[in-house]
Amino acid sequence: MSDLAGIAFTSAGFILTILTVLITFKANSKKEKRIKDYDSALSLFFNTPLYSTATHILKNCIKILLVVALVSFLLKAFSKSINVEILFSLLFAPLILITMALVRCVIILGKILKLQNVE
């Protein structure tokens, strides 16, 4: 449980860093009237609804990972009173949630990188 909590906290910090970088770059981008006037595809991305969708997904991933970490720490604290078989079966839900959150973030980052290379 403590390993899963550590992974969840580390992953949440990683995603928070990505979100901070995206927000910082967004602050430096200008809104243009025509698509041809944008310097890069990333500047165009910042001024579309896809930016808000991506940041929303990343924020929710952070929330999920923090909840998983806190619940894992609580389960570890009370693990002496929980049966070992039940505790082992409770490991699968956090593992699946962590994996799903990280996969969503990797997909979003992959699409952003692909958008940058399409210029």
PDB file of N, CA and C in Angstrom:
ATOM      1  N   MET A   1       0.817  -1.201   0.000  1.00  0.00           N
ATOM      2  CA  MET A   1       0.000   0.000   0.000  1.00  0.00           C
ATOM      3  C   MET A   1       0.861   1.265   0.000  1.00  0.00           C
ATOM      4  N   SER A   2       1.937   1.234   0.772  1.00  0.00           N
ATOM      5  CA  SER A   2       2.780   2.436   0.815  1.00  0.00           C
ATOM      6  C   SER A   2       3.466   2.675  -0.527  1.00  0.00           C
ATOM      7  N   ASP A   3       3.790   1.597  -1.238  1.00  0.00           N
ATOM      8  CA  ASP A   3       4.381   1.764  -2.571  1.00  0.00           C
ATOM      9  C   ASP A   3       3.388   2.415  -3.530  1.00  0.00           C
ATOM     10  N   LEU A   4       2.139   1.958  -3.492  1.00  0.00           N
ATOM     11  CA  LEU A   4       1.113   2.555  -4.354  1.00  0.00           C
ATOM     12  C   LEU A   4       0.876   4.017  -3.996  1.00  0.00           C
ATOM     13  N   ALA A   5       0.889   4.331  -2.726  1.00  0.00           N
ATOM     14  CA  ALA A   5       0.710   5.722  -2.308  1.00  0.00           C
ATOM     15  C   ALA A   5       1.876   6.580  -2.794  1.00  0.00           C
ATOM     16  N   GLY A   6       3.077   6.055  -2.696  1.00  0.00           N
ATOM     17  CA  GLY A   6       4.245   6.790  -3.185  1.00  0.00           C
ATOM     18  C   GLY A   6       4.189   7.010  -4.685  1.00  0.00           C
ATOM     19  N   ILE A   7       3.780   5.979  -5.418  1.00  0.00           N
ATOM     20  CA  ILE A   7       3.645   6.108  -6.873  1.00  0.00           C
ATOM     21  C   ILE A   7       2.574   7.138  -7.212  1.00  0.00           C
ATOM     22  N   ALA A   8       1.465   7.108  -6.493  1.00  0.00           N
ATOM     23  CA  ALA A   8       0.374   8.050  -6.762  1.00  0.00           C
ATOM     24  C   ALA A   8       0.806   9.483  -6.480  1.00  0.00           C
ATOM     25  N   PHE A   9       1.500   9.703  -5.357  1.00  0.00           N
ATOM     26  CA  PHE A   9       1.965  11.058  -5.047  1.00  0.00           C
ATOM     27  C   PHE A   9       2.994  11.544  -6.069  1.00  0.00           C
ATOM     28  N   THR A  10       3.914  10.689  -6.452  1.00  0.00           N
ATOM     29  CA  THR A  10       4.923  11.063  -7.438  1.00  0.00           C
ATOM     30  C   THR A  10       4.285  11.373  -8.785  1.00  0.00           C
ATOM     31  N   SER A  11       3.346  10.549  -9.194  1.00  0.00           N
ATOM     32  CA  SER A  11       2.651  10.772 -10.463  1.00  0.00           C
ATOM     33  C   SER A  11       1.831  12.058 -10.432  1.00  0.00           C
ATOM     34  N   ALA A  12       1.181  12.327  -9.301  1.00  0.00           N
ATOM     35  CA  ALA A  12       0.416  13.567  -9.173  1.00  0.00           C
ATOM     36  C   ALA A  12       1.334  14.775  -9.294  1.00  0.00           C
ATOM     37  N   GLY A  13       2.521  14.702  -8.713  1.00  0.00           N
ATOM     38  CA  GLY A  13       3.482  15.795  -8.844  1.00  0.00           C
ATOM     39  C   GLY A  13       3.947  15.979 -10.276  1.00  0.00           C
ATOM     40  N   PHE A  14       4.153  14.876 -10.979  1.00  0.00           N
ATOM     41  CA  PHE A  14       4.551  14.932 -12.378  1.00  0.00           C
ATOM     42  C   PHE A  14       3.464  15.593 -13.229  1.00  0.00           C
ATOM     43  N   ILE A  15       2.235  15.190 -13.031  1.00  0.00           N
ATOM     44  CA  ILE A  15       1.122  15.754 -13.800  1.00  0.00           C
ATOM     45  C   ILE A  15       0.908  17.220 -13.436  1.00  0.00           C
ATOM     46  N   LEU A  16       1.081  17.557 -12.169  1.00  0.00           N
ATOM     47  CA  LEU A  16       0.967  18.954 -11.750  1.00  0.00           C
ATOM     48  C   LEU A  16       2.030  19.811 -12.433  1.00  0.00           C
ATOM     49  N   THR A  17       3.218  19.274 -12.607  1.00  0.00           N
ATOM     50  CA  THR A  17       4.276  19.988 -13.326  1.00  0.00           C
ATOM     51  C   THR A  17       3.895  20.205 -14.782  1.00  0.00           C
ATOM     52  N   ILE A  18       3.359  19.171 -15.409  1.00  0.00           N
ATOM     53  CA  ILE A  18       2.910  19.294 -16.804  1.00  0.00           C
ATOM     54  C   ILE A  18       1.837  20.362 -16.922  1.00  0.00           C
ATOM     55  N   LEU A  19       0.883  20.334 -16.018  1.00  0.00           N
ATOM     56  CA  LEU A  19      -0.210  21.312 -16.034  1.00  0.00           C
ATOM     57  C   LEU A  19       0.315  22.727 -15.835  1.00  0.00           C
ATOM     58  N   THR A  20       1.287  22.892 -14.949  1.00  0.00           N
ATOM     59  CA  THR A  20       1.891  24.205 -14.717  1.00  0.00           C
ATOM     60  C   THR A  20       2.604  24.716 -15.966  1.00  0.00           C
ATOM     61  N   VAL A  21       3.314  23.833 -16.642  1.00  0.00           N
ATOM     62  CA  VAL A  21       4.008  24.229 -17.871  1.00  0.00           C
ATOM     63  C   VAL A  21       3.005  24.639 -18.941  1.00  0.00           C
ATOM     64  N   LEU A  22       1.939  23.867 -19.091  1.00  0.00           N
ATOM     65  CA  LEU A  22       0.914  24.215 -20.079  1.00  0.00           C
ATOM     66  C   LEU A  22       0.273  25.566 -19.781  1.00  0.00           C
ATOM     67  N   ILE A  23      -0.013  25.811 -18.522  1.00  0.00           N
ATOM     68  CA  ILE A  23      -0.633  27.087 -18.143  1.00  0.00           C
ATOM     69  C   ILE A  23       0.338  28.240 -18.371  1.00  0.00           C
ATOM     70  N   THR A  24       1.617  28.017 -18.088  1.00  0.00           N
ATOM     71  CA  THR A  24       2.622  29.057 -18.310  1.00  0.00           C
ATOM     72  C   THR A  24       2.750  29.383 -19.792  1.00  0.00           C
ATOM     73  N   PHE A  25       2.798  28.358 -20.629  1.00  0.00           N
ATOM     74  CA  PHE A  25       2.879  28.598 -22.071  1.00  0.00           C
ATOM     75  C   PHE A  25       1.622  29.275 -22.587  1.00  0.00           C
ATOM     76  N   LYS A  26       0.480  28.933 -22.029  1.00  0.00           N
ATOM     77  CA  LYS A  26      -0.780  29.551 -22.443  1.00  0.00           C
ATOM     78  C   LYS A  26      -0.760  31.044 -22.143  1.00  0.00           C
ATOM     79  N   ALA A  27      -0.197  31.413 -21.015  1.00  0.00           N
ATOM     80  CA  ALA A  27      -0.133  32.823 -20.631  1.00  0.00           C
ATOM     81  C   ALA A  27       0.715  33.628 -21.613  1.00  0.00           C
ATOM     82  N   ASN A  28       1.672  32.981 -22.262  1.00  0.00           N
ATOM     83  CA  ASN A  28       2.558  33.673 -23.194  1.00  0.00           C
ATOM     84  C   ASN A  28       2.061  33.659 -24.639  1.00  0.00           C
ATOM     85  N   SER A  29       0.961  32.976 -24.906  1.00  0.00           N
ATOM     86  CA  SER A  29       0.480  32.901 -26.284  1.00  0.00           C
ATOM     87  C   SER A  29      -0.538  34.007 -26.554  1.00  0.00           C
ATOM     88  N   LYS A  30      -0.576  34.448 -27.800  1.00  0.00           N
ATOM     89  CA  LYS A  30      -1.504  35.497 -28.202  1.00  0.00           C
ATOM     90  C   LYS A  30      -2.650  34.887 -28.990  1.00  0.00           C
ATOM     91  N   LYS A  31      -3.806  35.524 -28.885  1.00  0.00           N
ATOM     92  CA  LYS A  31      -4.954  35.082 -29.664  1.00  0.00           C
ATOM     93  C   LYS A  31      -4.977  35.852 -30.973  1.00  0.00           C
ATOM     94  N   GLU A  32      -4.960  35.110 -32.074  1.00  0.00           N
ATOM     95  CA  GLU A  32      -4.958  35.714 -33.405  1.00  0.00           C
ATOM     96  C   GLU A  32      -6.342  35.582 -34.033  1.00  0.00           C
ATOM     97  N   LYS A  33      -6.590  36.383 -35.063  1.00  0.00           N
ATOM     98  CA  LYS A  33      -7.887  36.348 -35.730  1.00  0.00           C
ATOM     99  C   LYS A  33      -7.987  35.223 -36.753  1.00  0.00           C
ATOM    100  N   ARG A  34      -6.865  34.883 -37.389  1.00  0.00           N
ATOM    101  CA  ARG A  34      -6.880  33.849 -38.413  1.00  0.00           C
ATOM    102  C   ARG A  34      -5.898  32.738 -38.042  1.00  0.00           C
ATOM    103  N   ILE A  35      -6.185  31.550 -38.510  1.00  0.00           N
ATOM    104  CA  ILE A  35      -5.338  30.391 -38.211  1.00  0.00           C
ATOM    105  C   ILE A  35      -3.936  30.577 -38.782  1.00  0.00           C
ATOM    106  N   LYS A  36      -3.820  31.195 -39.928  1.00  0.00           N
ATOM    107  CA  LYS A  36      -2.514  31.387 -40.563  1.00  0.00           C
ATOM    108  C   LYS A  36      -1.600  32.313 -39.771  1.00  0.00           C
ATOM    109  N   ASP A  37      -2.173  33.145 -38.893  1.00  0.00           N
ATOM    110  CA  ASP A  37      -1.387  34.124 -38.146  1.00  0.00           C
ATOM    111  C   ASP A  37      -0.683  33.540 -36.913  1.00  0.00           C
ATOM    112  N   TYR A  38      -1.010  32.317 -36.532  1.00  0.00           N
ATOM    113  CA  TYR A  38      -0.367  31.714 -35.359  1.00  0.00           C
ATOM    114  C   TYR A  38       1.066  31.308 -35.696  1.00  0.00           C
ATOM    115  N   ASP A  39       1.995  31.539 -34.724  1.00  0.00           N
ATOM    116  CA  ASP A  39       3.401  31.182 -34.953  1.00  0.00           C
ATOM    117  C   ASP A  39       3.594  29.673 -34.965  1.00  0.00           C
ATOM    118  N   SER A  40       2.831  28.944 -34.135  1.00  0.00           N
ATOM    119  CA  SER A  40       3.010  27.496 -34.057  1.00  0.00           C
ATOM    120  C   SER A  40       1.660  26.824 -33.826  1.00  0.00           C
ATOM    121  N   ALA A  41       1.669  25.522 -34.016  1.00  0.00           N
ATOM    122  CA  ALA A  41       0.447  24.748 -33.777  1.00  0.00           C
ATOM    123  C   ALA A  41       0.107  24.747 -32.290  1.00  0.00           C
ATOM    124  N   LEU A  42       1.123  24.856 -31.454  1.00  0.00           N
ATOM    125  CA  LEU A  42       0.872  24.879 -30.015  1.00  0.00           C
ATOM    126  C   LEU A  42       0.145  26.153 -29.601  1.00  0.00           C
ATOM    127  N   SER A  43       0.475  27.276 -30.203  1.00  0.00           N
ATOM    128  CA  SER A  43      -0.241  28.520 -29.922  1.00  0.00           C
ATOM    129  C   SER A  43      -1.695  28.403 -30.344  1.00  0.00           C
ATOM    130  N   LEU A  44      -1.923  27.750 -31.459  1.00  0.00           N
ATOM    131  CA  LEU A  44      -3.296  27.513 -31.905  1.00  0.00           C
ATOM    132  C   LEU A  44      -4.024  26.615 -30.917  1.00  0.00           C
ATOM    133  N   PHE A  45      -3.350  25.570 -30.435  1.00  0.00           N
ATOM    134  CA  PHE A  45      -3.935  24.654 -29.453  1.00  0.00           C
ATOM    135  C   PHE A  45      -4.385  25.395 -28.201  1.00  0.00           C
ATOM    136  N   PHE A  46      -3.579  26.365 -27.746  1.00  0.00           N
ATOM    137  CA  PHE A  46      -3.925  27.102 -26.537  1.00  0.00           C
ATOM    138  C   PHE A  46      -5.187  27.933 -26.689  1.00  0.00           C
ATOM    139  N   ASN A  47      -5.565  28.257 -27.894  1.00  0.00           N
ATOM    140  CA  ASN A  47      -6.732  29.095 -28.129  1.00  0.00           C
ATOM    141  C   ASN A  47      -7.917  28.316 -28.691  1.00  0.00           C
ATOM    142  N   THR A  48      -7.937  27.017 -28.447  1.00  0.00           N
ATOM    143  CA  THR A  48      -9.068  26.183 -28.847  1.00  0.00           C
ATOM    144  C   THR A  48      -9.693  25.549 -27.607  1.00  0.00           C
ATOM    145  N   PRO A  49     -10.899  25.004 -27.754  1.00  0.00           N
ATOM    146  CA  PRO A  49     -11.521  24.296 -26.622  1.00  0.00           C
ATOM    147  C   PRO A  49     -10.755  23.046 -26.198  1.00  0.00           C
ATOM    148  N   LEU A  50      -9.872  22.549 -27.044  1.00  0.00           N
ATOM    149  CA  LEU A  50      -9.085  21.370 -26.681  1.00  0.00           C
ATOM    150  C   LEU A  50      -8.159  21.646 -25.500  1.00  0.00           C
ATOM    151  N   TYR A  51      -7.697  22.880 -25.381  1.00  0.00           N
ATOM    152  CA  TYR A  51      -6.824  23.246 -24.254  1.00  0.00           C
ATOM    153  C   TYR A  51      -7.566  23.084 -22.930  1.00  0.00           C
ATOM    154  N   SER A  52      -8.791  23.599 -22.873  1.00  0.00           N
ATOM    155  CA  SER A  52      -9.549  23.488 -21.620  1.00  0.00           C
ATOM    156  C   SER A  52      -9.906  22.036 -21.317  1.00  0.00           C
ATOM    157  N   THR A  53     -10.175  21.249 -22.349  1.00  0.00           N
ATOM    158  CA  THR A  53     -10.458  19.826 -22.140  1.00  0.00           C
ATOM    159  C   THR A  53      -9.220  19.109 -21.600  1.00  0.00           C
ATOM    160  N   ALA A  54      -8.070  19.396 -22.175  1.00  0.00           N
ATOM    161  CA  ALA A  54      -6.827  18.760 -21.725  1.00  0.00           C
ATOM    162  C   ALA A  54      -6.502  19.139 -20.285  1.00  0.00           C
ATOM    163  N   THR A  55      -6.636  20.412 -19.948  1.00  0.00           N
ATOM    164  CA  THR A  55      -6.342  20.822 -18.569  1.00  0.00           C
ATOM    165  C   THR A  55      -7.359  20.228 -17.590  1.00  0.00           C
ATOM    166  N   HIS A  56      -8.598  20.100 -18.020  1.00  0.00           N
ATOM    167  CA  HIS A  56      -9.624  19.495 -17.167  1.00  0.00           C
ATOM    168  C   HIS A  56      -9.285  18.030 -16.880  1.00  0.00           C
ATOM    169  N   ILE A  57      -8.873  17.301 -17.907  1.00  0.00           N
ATOM    170  CA  ILE A  57      -8.503  15.893 -17.729  1.00  0.00           C
ATOM    171  C   ILE A  57      -7.287  15.772 -16.816  1.00  0.00           C
ATOM    172  N   LEU A  58      -6.295  16.626 -17.009  1.00  0.00           N
ATOM    173  CA  LEU A  58      -5.095  16.578 -16.166  1.00  0.00           C
ATOM    174  C   LEU A  58      -5.419  16.911 -14.713  1.00  0.00           C
ATOM    175  N   LYS A  59      -6.299  17.897 -14.490  1.00  0.00           N
ATOM    176  CA  LYS A  59      -6.695  18.228 -13.116  1.00  0.00           C
ATOM    177  C   LYS A  59      -7.414  17.055 -12.458  1.00  0.00           C
ATOM    178  N   ASN A  60      -8.284  16.384 -13.206  1.00  0.00           N
ATOM    179  CA  ASN A  60      -8.985  15.233 -12.641  1.00  0.00           C
ATOM    180  C   ASN A  60      -8.039  14.075 -12.350  1.00  0.00           C
ATOM    181  N   CYS A  61      -7.018  13.909 -13.183  1.00  0.00           N
ATOM    182  CA  CYS A  61      -6.015  12.875 -12.907  1.00  0.00           C
ATOM    183  C   CYS A  61      -5.285  13.154 -11.601  1.00  0.00           C
ATOM    184  N   ILE A  62      -4.968  14.411 -11.363  1.00  0.00           N
ATOM    185  CA  ILE A  62      -4.303  14.783 -10.109  1.00  0.00           C
ATOM    186  C   ILE A  62      -5.204  14.472  -8.927  1.00  0.00           C
ATOM    187  N   LYS A  63      -6.490  14.814  -9.040  1.00  0.00           N
ATOM    188  CA  LYS A  63      -7.439  14.538  -7.952  1.00  0.00           C
ATOM    189  C   LYS A  63      -7.540  13.043  -7.677  1.00  0.00           C
ATOM    190  N   ILE A  64      -7.649  12.242  -8.736  1.00  0.00           N
ATOM    191  CA  ILE A  64      -7.752  10.792  -8.573  1.00  0.00           C
ATOM    192  C   ILE A  64      -6.505  10.234  -7.898  1.00  0.00           C
ATOM    193  N   LEU A  65      -5.340  10.676  -8.337  1.00  0.00           N
ATOM    194  CA  LEU A  65      -4.098  10.158  -7.766  1.00  0.00           C
ATOM    195  C   LEU A  65      -3.936  10.555  -6.303  1.00  0.00           C
ATOM    196  N   LEU A  66      -4.355  11.759  -5.949  1.00  0.00           N
ATOM    197  CA  LEU A  66      -4.265  12.165  -4.544  1.00  0.00           C
ATOM    198  C   LEU A  66      -5.231  11.367  -3.671  1.00  0.00           C
ATOM    199  N   VAL A  67      -6.423  11.096  -4.171  1.00  0.00           N
ATOM    200  CA  VAL A  67      -7.380  10.279  -3.411  1.00  0.00           C
ATOM    201  C   VAL A  67      -6.842   8.862  -3.245  1.00  0.00           C
ATOM    202  N   VAL A  68      -6.281   8.310  -4.315  1.00  0.00           N
ATOM    203  CA  VAL A  68      -5.702   6.966  -4.234  1.00  0.00           C
ATOM    204  C   VAL A  68      -4.582   6.932  -3.198  1.00  0.00           C
ATOM    205  N   ALA A  69      -3.732   7.951  -3.201  1.00  0.00           N
ATOM    206  CA  ALA A  69      -2.622   7.990  -2.242  1.00  0.00           C
ATOM    207  C   ALA A  69      -3.121   8.086  -0.805  1.00  0.00           C
ATOM    208  N   LEU A  70      -4.096   8.950  -0.582  1.00  0.00           N
ATOM    209  CA  LEU A  70      -4.622   9.100   0.782  1.00  0.00           C
ATOM    210  C   LEU A  70      -5.331   7.839   1.260  1.00  0.00           C
ATOM    211  N   VAL A  71      -6.129   7.230   0.399  1.00  0.00           N
ATOM    212  CA  VAL A  71      -6.820   5.990   0.775  1.00  0.00           C
ATOM    213  C   VAL A  71      -5.800   4.878   1.017  1.00  0.00           C
ATOM    214  N   SER A  72      -4.749   4.831   0.227  1.00  0.00           N
ATOM    215  CA  SER A  72      -3.713   3.814   0.426  1.00  0.00           C
ATOM    216  C   SER A  72      -3.016   3.986   1.765  1.00  0.00           C
ATOM    217  N   PHE A  73      -2.734   5.226   2.130  1.00  0.00           N
ATOM    218  CA  PHE A  73      -2.128   5.467   3.439  1.00  0.00           C
ATOM    219  C   PHE A  73      -3.077   5.090   4.569  1.00  0.00           C
ATOM    220  N   LEU A  74      -4.359   5.387   4.414  1.00  0.00           N
ATOM    221  CA  LEU A  74      -5.334   4.998   5.444  1.00  0.00           C
ATOM    222  C   LEU A  74      -5.445   3.487   5.553  1.00  0.00           C
ATOM    223  N   LEU A  75      -5.468   2.803   4.419  1.00  0.00           N
ATOM    224  CA  LEU A  75      -5.519   1.339   4.458  1.00  0.00           C
ATOM    225  C   LEU A  75      -4.269   0.761   5.104  1.00  0.00           C
ATOM    226  N   LYS A  76      -3.129   1.387   4.856  1.00  0.00           N
ATOM    227  CA  LYS A  76      -1.905   0.911   5.487  1.00  0.00           C
ATOM    228  C   LYS A  76      -1.953   1.119   6.997  1.00  0.00           C
ATOM    229  N   ALA A  77      -2.538   2.235   7.409  1.00  0.00           N
ATOM    230  CA  ALA A  77      -2.627   2.519   8.843  1.00  0.00           C
ATOM    231  C   ALA A  77      -3.517   1.511   9.569  1.00  0.00           C
ATOM    232  N   PHE A  78      -4.563   1.061   8.881  1.00  0.00           N
ATOM    233  CA  PHE A  78      -5.498   0.129   9.516  1.00  0.00           C
ATOM    234  C   PHE A  78      -5.324  -1.304   9.005  1.00  0.00           C
ATOM    235  N   SER A  79      -4.193  -1.596   8.398  1.00  0.00           N
ATOM    236  CA  SER A  79      -3.990  -2.906   7.782  1.00  0.00           C
ATOM    237  C   SER A  79      -3.874  -4.037   8.804  1.00  0.00           C
ATOM    238  N   LYS A  80      -3.540  -3.723  10.025  1.00  0.00           N
ATOM    239  CA  LYS A  80      -3.423  -4.772  11.046  1.00  0.00           C
ATOM    240  C   LYS A  80      -4.772  -5.404  11.337  1.00  0.00           C
ATOM    241  N   SER A  81      -5.844  -4.613  11.196  1.00  0.00           N
ATOM    242  CA  SER A  81      -7.174  -5.141  11.507  1.00  0.00           C
ATOM    243  C   SER A  81      -7.907  -5.688  10.281  1.00  0.00           C
ATOM    244  N   ILE A  82      -7.264  -5.635   9.103  1.00  0.00           N
ATOM    245  CA  ILE A  82      -7.889  -6.117   7.871  1.00  0.00           C
ATOM    246  C   ILE A  82      -7.259  -7.452   7.485  1.00  0.00           C
ATOM    247  N   ASN A  83      -8.085  -8.377   7.050  1.00  0.00           N
ATOM    248  CA  ASN A  83      -7.624  -9.687   6.615  1.00  0.00           C
ATOM    249  C   ASN A  83      -6.669  -9.533   5.427  1.00  0.00           C
ATOM    250  N   VAL A  84      -5.649 -10.384   5.351  1.00  0.00           N
ATOM    251  CA  VAL A  84      -4.619 -10.284   4.326  1.00  0.00           C
ATOM    252  C   VAL A  84      -5.212 -10.476   2.926  1.00  0.00           C
ATOM    253  N   GLU A  85      -6.161 -11.416   2.768  1.00  0.00           N
ATOM    254  CA  GLU A  85      -6.765 -11.651   1.460  1.00  0.00           C
ATOM    255  C   GLU A  85      -7.560 -10.431   0.996  1.00  0.00           C
ATOM    256  N   ILE A  86      -8.259  -9.804   1.903  1.00  0.00           N
ATOM    257  CA  ILE A  86      -9.031  -8.600   1.572  1.00  0.00           C
ATOM    258  C   ILE A  86      -8.080  -7.455   1.226  1.00  0.00           C
ATOM    259  N   LEU A  87      -7.028  -7.323   1.998  1.00  0.00           N
ATOM    260  CA  LEU A  87      -6.046  -6.281   1.737  1.00  0.00           C
ATOM    261  C   LEU A  87      -5.389  -6.469   0.368  1.00  0.00           C
ATOM    262  N   PHE A  88      -5.071  -7.713   0.025  1.00  0.00           N
ATOM    263  CA  PHE A  88      -4.483  -7.990  -1.283  1.00  0.00           C
ATOM    264  C   PHE A  88      -5.460  -7.649  -2.408  1.00  0.00           C
ATOM    265  N   SER A  89      -6.728  -7.970  -2.228  1.00  0.00           N
ATOM    266  CA  SER A  89      -7.713  -7.663  -3.273  1.00  0.00           C
ATOM    267  C   SER A  89      -7.958  -6.156  -3.382  1.00  0.00           C
ATOM    268  N   LEU A  90      -7.734  -5.424  -2.310  1.00  0.00           N
ATOM    269  CA  LEU A  90      -7.901  -3.971  -2.340  1.00  0.00           C
ATOM    270  C   LEU A  90      -6.758  -3.269  -3.076  1.00  0.00           C
ATOM    271  N   LEU A  91      -5.695  -3.981  -3.382  1.00  0.00           N
ATOM    272  CA  LEU A  91      -4.578  -3.392  -4.110  1.00  0.00           C
ATOM    273  C   LEU A  91      -4.880  -3.178  -5.592  1.00  0.00           C
ATOM    274  N   PHE A  92      -5.824  -3.926  -6.121  1.00  0.00           N
ATOM    275  CA  PHE A  92      -6.094  -3.854  -7.561  1.00  0.00           C
ATOM    276  C   PHE A  92      -6.765  -2.548  -7.973  1.00  0.00           C
ATOM    277  N   ALA A  93      -7.696  -2.046  -7.178  1.00  0.00           N
ATOM    278  CA  ALA A  93      -8.396  -0.800  -7.535  1.00  0.00           C
ATOM    279  C   ALA A  93      -7.423   0.382  -7.632  1.00  0.00           C
ATOM    280  N   PRO A  94      -6.565   0.621  -6.637  1.00  0.00           N
ATOM    281  CA  PRO A  94      -5.614   1.733  -6.788  1.00  0.00           C
ATOM    282  C   PRO A  94      -4.655   1.543  -7.958  1.00  0.00           C
ATOM    283  N   LEU A  95      -4.235   0.312  -8.192  1.00  0.00           N
ATOM    284  CA  LEU A  95      -3.325   0.036  -9.299  1.00  0.00           C
ATOM    285  C   LEU A  95      -3.986   0.355 -10.640  1.00  0.00           C
ATOM    286  N   ILE A  96      -5.244  -0.012 -10.789  1.00  0.00           N
ATOM    287  CA  ILE A  96      -5.976   0.274 -12.026  1.00  0.00           C
ATOM    288  C   ILE A  96      -6.186   1.778 -12.185  1.00  0.00           C
ATOM    289  N   LEU A  97      -6.556   2.476 -11.095  1.00  0.00           N
ATOM    290  CA  LEU A  97      -6.766   3.923 -11.173  1.00  0.00           C
ATOM    291  C   LEU A  97      -5.481   4.671 -11.520  1.00  0.00           C
ATOM    292  N   ILE A  98      -4.373   4.269 -10.920  1.00  0.00           N
ATOM    293  CA  ILE A  98      -3.094   4.912 -11.219  1.00  0.00           C
ATOM    294  C   ILE A  98      -2.724   4.685 -12.686  1.00  0.00           C
ATOM    295  N   THR A  99      -2.894   3.461 -13.148  1.00  0.00           N
ATOM    296  CA  THR A  99      -2.573   3.141 -14.535  1.00  0.00           C
ATOM    297  C   THR A  99      -3.439   3.933 -15.502  1.00  0.00           C
ATOM    298  N   MET A 100      -4.736   3.999 -15.236  1.00  0.00           N
ATOM    299  CA  MET A 100      -5.642   4.733 -16.125  1.00  0.00           C
ATOM    300  C   MET A 100      -5.305   6.224 -16.150  1.00  0.00           C
ATOM    301  N   ALA A 101      -4.999   6.802 -15.005  1.00  0.00           N
ATOM    302  CA  ALA A 101      -4.665   8.227 -14.949  1.00  0.00           C
ATOM    303  C   ALA A 101      -3.392   8.511 -15.728  1.00  0.00           C
ATOM    304  N   LEU A 102      -2.390   7.657 -15.560  1.00  0.00           N
ATOM    305  CA  LEU A 102      -1.130   7.872 -16.275  1.00  0.00           C
ATOM    306  C   LEU A 102      -1.283   7.652 -17.781  1.00  0.00           C
ATOM    307  N   VAL A 103      -2.085   6.688 -18.171  1.00  0.00           N
ATOM    308  CA  VAL A 103      -2.308   6.446 -19.600  1.00  0.00           C
ATOM    309  C   VAL A 103      -3.011   7.645 -20.233  1.00  0.00           C
ATOM    310  N   ARG A 104      -4.007   8.198 -19.549  1.00  0.00           N
ATOM    311  CA  ARG A 104      -4.689   9.388 -20.080  1.00  0.00           C
ATOM    312  C   ARG A 104      -3.716  10.543 -20.251  1.00  0.00           C
ATOM    313  N   CYS A 105      -2.837  10.739 -19.286  1.00  0.00           N
ATOM    314  CA  CYS A 105      -1.862  11.831 -19.379  1.00  0.00           C
ATOM    315  C   CYS A 105      -0.873  11.600 -20.511  1.00  0.00           C
ATOM    316  N   VAL A 106      -0.430  10.377 -20.679  1.00  0.00           N
ATOM    317  CA  VAL A 106       0.501  10.071 -21.764  1.00  0.00           C
ATOM    318  C   VAL A 106      -0.169  10.278 -23.118  1.00  0.00           C
ATOM    319  N   ILE A 107      -1.431   9.919 -23.234  1.00  0.00           N
ATOM    320  CA  ILE A 107      -2.157  10.133 -24.493  1.00  0.00           C
ATOM    321  C   ILE A 107      -2.259  11.620 -24.802  1.00  0.00           C
ATOM    322  N   ILE A 108      -2.601  12.423 -23.796  1.00  0.00           N
ATOM    323  CA  ILE A 108      -2.716  13.873 -23.999  1.00  0.00           C
ATOM    324  C   ILE A 108      -1.364  14.465 -24.393  1.00  0.00           C
ATOM    325  N   LEU A 109      -0.316  14.088 -23.683  1.00  0.00           N
ATOM    326  CA  LEU A 109       1.013  14.610 -24.013  1.00  0.00           C
ATOM    327  C   LEU A 109       1.465  14.158 -25.393  1.00  0.00           C
ATOM    328  N   GLY A 110       1.141  12.935 -25.762  1.00  0.00           N
ATOM    329  CA  GLY A 110       1.477  12.448 -27.094  1.00  0.00           C
ATOM    330  C   GLY A 110       0.777  13.246 -28.183  1.00  0.00           C
ATOM    331  N   LYS A 111      -0.480  13.577 -27.945  1.00  0.00           N
ATOM    332  CA  LYS A 111      -1.226  14.365 -28.928  1.00  0.00           C
ATOM    333  C   LYS A 111      -0.684  15.793 -29.017  1.00  0.00           C
ATOM    334  N   ILE A 112      -0.270  16.357 -27.889  1.00  0.00           N
ATOM    335  CA  ILE A 112       0.317  17.705 -27.915  1.00  0.00           C
ATOM    336  C   ILE A 112       1.648  17.685 -28.661  1.00  0.00           C
ATOM    337  N   LEU A 113       2.467  16.669 -28.404  1.00  0.00           N
ATOM    338  CA  LEU A 113       3.749  16.565 -29.120  1.00  0.00           C
ATOM    339  C   LEU A 113       3.528  16.341 -30.606  1.00  0.00           C
ATOM    340  N   LYS A 114       2.553  15.533 -30.952  1.00  0.00           N
ATOM    341  CA  LYS A 114       2.235  15.303 -32.365  1.00  0.00           C
ATOM    342  C   LYS A 114       1.765  16.596 -33.026  1.00  0.00           C
ATOM    343  N   LEU A 115       0.996  17.390 -32.300  1.00  0.00           N
ATOM    344  CA  LEU A 115       0.517  18.670 -32.826  1.00  0.00           C
ATOM    345  C   LEU A 115       1.688  19.609 -33.080  1.00  0.00           C
ATOM    346  N   GLN A 116       2.671  19.601 -32.221  1.00  0.00           N
ATOM    347  CA  GLN A 116       3.837  20.479 -32.402  1.00  0.00           C
ATOM    348  C   GLN A 116       4.670  20.083 -33.625  1.00  0.00           C
ATOM    349  N   ASN A 117       4.716  18.807 -33.925  1.00  0.00           N
ATOM    350  CA  ASN A 117       5.540  18.335 -35.043  1.00  0.00           C
ATOM    351  C   ASN A 117       4.857  18.447 -36.388  1.00  0.00           C
ATOM    352  N   VAL A 118       3.579  18.787 -36.406  1.00  0.00           N
ATOM    353  CA  VAL A 118       2.816  18.822 -37.651  1.00  0.00           C
ATOM    354  C   VAL A 118       2.998  20.126 -38.403  1.00  0.00           C
ATOM    355  N   GLU A 119       3.577  21.125 -37.847  1.00  0.00           N
ATOM    356  CA  GLU A 119       3.699  22.460 -38.449  1.00  0.00           C
ATOM    357  C   GLU A 119       3.891  22.453 -39.877  1.00  0.00           C
TER     358      GLU A 119
END
